[in-house]
Amino acid sequence: MNTATKLTAFLLGLAVVFGAAYGVGQVTGPGTPAVETHHDDPGPANPERDAPEHEAPEHDDPGTGSHPPEHGPDR
């Protein structure tokens, strides 16, 4: 077997393998995306419960107080 025949057979086999892999990929479709996990936030599980006594909760109750609720720039 000469060198040209060997290279041709190798390239033909390589094309068949990649073609088969492409076809299988088209049939099966994309895989499911990986679930994102964030382990960088070591904050408390319940910020209101774990907040110091002298601090108010992060949210404001719009039904109490003398100020009307604030609205975004679209109003």
Protein backbone atom coordinates (compact mmCIF):
# COMPACT_ATOMS: atom_id res chain seq x y z
CA MET A 1 0.00 0.00 0.00
CA ASN A 2 1.51 3.32 -0.99
CA THR A 3 1.48 6.51 1.10
CA ALA A 4 -1.24 8.29 -0.90
CA THR A 5 -3.64 5.38 -0.42
CA LYS A 6 -2.94 5.27 3.32
CA LEU A 7 -3.53 9.02 3.72
CA THR A 8 -6.71 8.87 1.66
CA ALA A 9 -8.05 5.96 3.73
CA PHE A 10 -7.17 7.76 6.97
CA LEU A 11 -8.85 11.02 5.89
CA LEU A 12 -11.91 9.13 4.66
CA GLY A 13 -12.16 7.27 7.99
CA LEU A 14 -11.73 10.53 9.89
CA ALA A 15 -14.52 12.15 7.84
CA VAL A 16 -16.80 9.18 8.55
CA VAL A 17 -16.15 9.36 12.30
CA PHE A 18 -16.73 13.13 12.48
CA GLY A 19 -19.79 12.85 10.25
CA ALA A 20 -21.25 10.19 12.53
CA ALA A 21 -20.54 12.31 15.61
CA TYR A 22 -22.22 15.31 13.97
CA GLY A 23 -25.25 13.21 13.03
CA VAL A 24 -25.61 11.86 16.57
CA GLY A 25 -25.36 15.40 17.90
CA GLN A 26 -28.12 16.57 15.57
CA VAL A 27 -30.41 13.71 16.61
CA THR A 28 -29.91 14.08 20.35
CA GLY A 29 -29.91 17.88 20.45
CA PRO A 30 -28.24 20.05 23.06
CA GLY A 31 -27.78 18.77 26.58
CA THR A 32 -29.48 20.24 29.61
CA PRO A 33 -27.71 23.27 31.04
CA ALA A 34 -25.80 22.85 34.26
CA VAL A 35 -27.48 24.10 37.40
CA GLU A 36 -25.80 27.21 38.75
CA THR A 37 -24.79 27.03 42.37
CA HIS A 38 -23.39 29.95 44.31
CA HIS A 39 -21.42 29.14 47.42
CA ASP A 40 -19.80 32.58 47.73
CA ASP A 41 -22.57 34.17 49.85
CA PRO A 42 -22.09 33.15 53.50
CA GLY A 43 -24.85 35.54 54.63
CA PRO A 44 -27.54 34.59 57.14
CA ALA A 45 -30.47 32.48 56.01
CA ASN A 46 -33.04 34.93 57.42
CA PRO A 47 -31.69 38.51 57.44
CA GLU A 48 -34.66 39.93 59.38
CA ARG A 49 -34.40 37.37 62.16
CA ASP A 50 -30.61 37.58 62.35
CA ALA A 51 -30.43 41.40 62.12
CA PRO A 52 -29.32 43.29 65.22
CA GLU A 53 -32.13 44.74 67.35
CA HIS A 54 -31.26 48.38 66.64
CA GLU A 55 -31.55 48.02 62.86
CA ALA A 56 -34.82 48.19 60.97
CA PRO A 57 -35.67 45.49 58.40
CA GLU A 58 -34.44 46.04 54.83
CA HIS A 59 -37.92 46.54 53.37
CA ASP A 60 -40.34 49.39 53.98
CA ASP A 61 -44.02 48.80 54.54
CA PRO A 62 -45.78 51.20 52.10
CA GLY A 63 -48.91 51.24 54.28
CA THR A 64 -47.21 52.96 57.23
CA GLY A 65 -45.33 56.22 57.61
CA SER A 66 -45.87 59.70 56.26
CA HIS A 67 -44.02 59.29 52.96
CA PRO A 68 -45.79 57.93 49.88
CA PRO A 69 -44.22 54.86 48.26
CA GLU A 70 -41.48 55.64 45.76
CA HIS A 71 -42.00 54.66 42.16
CA GLY A 72 -39.49 54.00 39.42
CA PRO A 73 -38.66 56.37 36.56
CA ASP A 74 -41.46 54.97 34.37
CA ARG A 75 -44.17 56.82 36.33
